Amino acid sequence: MAKIMVVDDAAFMRMFMKDILETAGHQVVCEASNGREAIEKYVTFRPDLVTMDITMPDIDGIEALKLIMERDPAAQVIMCSAMGHREMILEAIRSGAKDFVVKPLQGSRVLDAVDRLLEV
């Protein structure tokens, strides 16, 4: 299946997301706890897909998304956040996110988003 990078500042959320993805047969090739680390690891690991939290220290998820898209316009990024405000969703999509999953995460919704992106 897909090689995926999971980005979230909360270790328990990374573990939860990793469990959802690996149970479905995907490989989590790396994890990052902030936007700066996500950019560095994206360049190193070149995952097929990224799940990214928005609210993180150092560099937030939307800024990290923009910087990843500058480096790889074909990047497949799903934003994940408890803050499902319309304006934030629109900014993420305008910045290059392919989907937006609202927390608390539901495994079926995460996998639907992943499957849709992998079909492309």
Protein backbone atom coordinates (compact mmCIF):
# COMPACT_ATOMS: atom_id res chain seq x y z
CA MET A 1 0.00 0.00 0.00
CA ALA A 2 1.15 3.58 0.62
CA LYS A 3 4.16 5.00 2.44
CA ILE A 4 2.78 7.65 4.79
CA MET A 5 4.19 10.35 7.07
CA VAL A 6 2.13 11.24 10.16
CA VAL A 7 2.57 14.78 11.54
CA ASP A 8 1.05 15.82 14.88
CA ASP A 9 2.51 17.44 17.99
CA ALA A 10 0.61 15.00 20.23
CA ALA A 11 2.33 11.62 20.49
CA PHE A 12 -0.95 9.83 21.28
CA MET A 13 -2.54 11.26 18.09
CA ARG A 14 0.43 10.07 16.00
CA MET A 15 0.10 6.63 17.58
CA PHE A 16 -3.67 6.58 16.97
CA MET A 17 -3.27 7.65 13.32
CA LYS A 18 -0.44 5.16 12.80
CA ASP A 19 -2.64 2.37 14.16
CA ILE A 20 -5.50 3.31 11.79
CA LEU A 21 -3.18 3.38 8.78
CA GLU A 22 -1.13 0.27 9.55
CA THR A 23 -4.23 -1.78 10.36
CA ALA A 24 -5.41 -0.93 6.82
CA GLY A 25 -2.11 -2.17 5.38
CA HIS A 26 -0.28 1.13 4.89
CA GLN A 27 3.30 1.74 6.01
CA VAL A 28 4.04 4.72 8.25
CA VAL A 29 7.59 5.51 7.13
CA CYS A 30 8.13 8.44 9.49
CA GLU A 31 6.51 10.73 12.04
CA ALA A 32 7.03 14.39 12.87
CA SER A 33 5.97 16.44 15.88
CA ASN A 34 6.08 19.92 14.31
CA GLY A 35 6.06 21.63 10.93
CA ARG A 36 9.82 22.13 10.69
CA GLU A 37 10.47 18.45 11.32
CA ALA A 38 7.73 17.55 8.79
CA ILE A 39 9.42 19.53 6.02
CA GLU A 40 12.82 17.95 6.73
CA LYS A 41 11.39 14.42 6.88
CA TYR A 42 9.29 14.94 3.75
CA VAL A 43 12.43 15.76 1.78
CA THR A 44 14.26 12.74 3.22
CA PHE A 45 11.53 10.08 3.05
CA ARG A 46 9.38 11.29 0.11
CA PRO A 47 6.19 9.63 1.41
CA ASP A 48 3.28 8.90 -0.92
CA LEU A 49 0.97 10.77 1.43
CA VAL A 50 1.08 12.99 4.54
CA THR A 51 -1.44 13.46 7.34
CA MET A 52 -0.80 16.81 9.00
CA ASP A 53 -2.19 18.51 12.09
CA ILE A 54 -2.69 22.27 11.85
CA THR A 55 -1.96 23.53 15.35
CA MET A 56 1.67 22.71 16.16
CA PRO A 57 4.67 24.49 17.68
CA ASP A 58 7.53 25.99 15.67
CA ILE A 59 5.88 25.95 12.23
CA ASP A 60 2.13 25.28 12.07
CA GLY A 61 0.61 22.75 9.70
CA ILE A 62 -0.63 25.22 7.08
CA GLU A 63 2.79 26.90 6.80
CA ALA A 64 4.47 23.47 6.63
CA LEU A 65 1.98 22.46 3.93
CA LYS A 66 2.87 25.53 1.86
CA LEU A 67 6.60 24.82 2.19
CA ILE A 68 6.15 21.16 1.26
CA MET A 69 4.06 22.15 -1.78
CA GLU A 70 6.84 24.55 -2.88
CA ARG A 71 9.28 21.64 -2.83
CA ASP A 72 6.86 19.11 -4.36
CA PRO A 73 3.71 20.47 -6.04
CA ALA A 74 2.45 16.88 -6.41
CA ALA A 75 2.52 16.23 -2.63
CA GLN A 76 -0.58 14.49 -1.28
CA VAL A 77 -1.47 16.06 2.09
CA ILE A 78 -4.51 15.47 4.27
CA MET A 79 -4.95 18.09 6.98
CA CYS A 80 -6.28 16.92 10.36
CA SER A 81 -7.47 19.32 13.03
CA ALA A 82 -9.95 19.75 15.82
CA MET A 83 -10.48 23.25 14.50
CA GLY A 84 -12.89 22.63 11.64
CA HIS A 85 -13.62 26.29 10.99
CA ARG A 86 -14.67 27.00 7.42
CA GLU A 87 -11.96 29.63 6.91
CA MET A 88 -9.20 27.30 8.12
CA ILE A 89 -10.43 24.50 5.85
CA LEU A 90 -10.48 26.87 2.88
CA GLU A 91 -6.97 28.12 3.64
CA ALA A 92 -5.68 24.55 3.84
CA ILE A 93 -7.30 23.63 0.52
CA ARG A 94 -6.04 26.83 -1.15
CA SER A 95 -2.56 26.02 0.16
CA GLY A 96 -2.57 22.59 -1.47
CA ALA A 97 -4.23 20.17 0.95
CA LYS A 98 -6.17 17.48 -0.87
CA ASP A 99 -8.59 16.78 2.01
CA PHE A 100 -9.41 17.86 5.55
CA VAL A 101 -10.33 15.48 8.38
CA VAL A 102 -11.83 16.93 11.56
CA LYS A 103 -10.76 15.55 14.95
CA PRO A 104 -11.70 13.52 16.86
CA LEU A 105 -10.49 11.16 14.15
CA GLN A 106 -12.74 8.44 12.86
CA GLY A 107 -10.82 5.59 11.25
CA SER A 108 -13.30 5.16 8.41
CA ARG A 109 -13.13 8.88 7.48
CA VAL A 110 -9.32 8.86 7.54
CA LEU A 111 -9.16 5.76 5.35
CA ASP A 112 -11.75 7.14 2.92
CA ALA A 113 -9.59 10.25 2.45
CA VAL A 114 -6.42 8.17 2.03
CA ASP A 115 -8.08 5.81 -0.47
CA ARG A 116 -9.43 8.72 -2.54
CA LEU A 117 -5.99 10.29 -2.82
CA LEU A 118 -4.26 7.04 -3.69
CA GLU A 119 -6.68 6.43 -6.58
CA VAL A 120 -5.36 9.54 -8.36
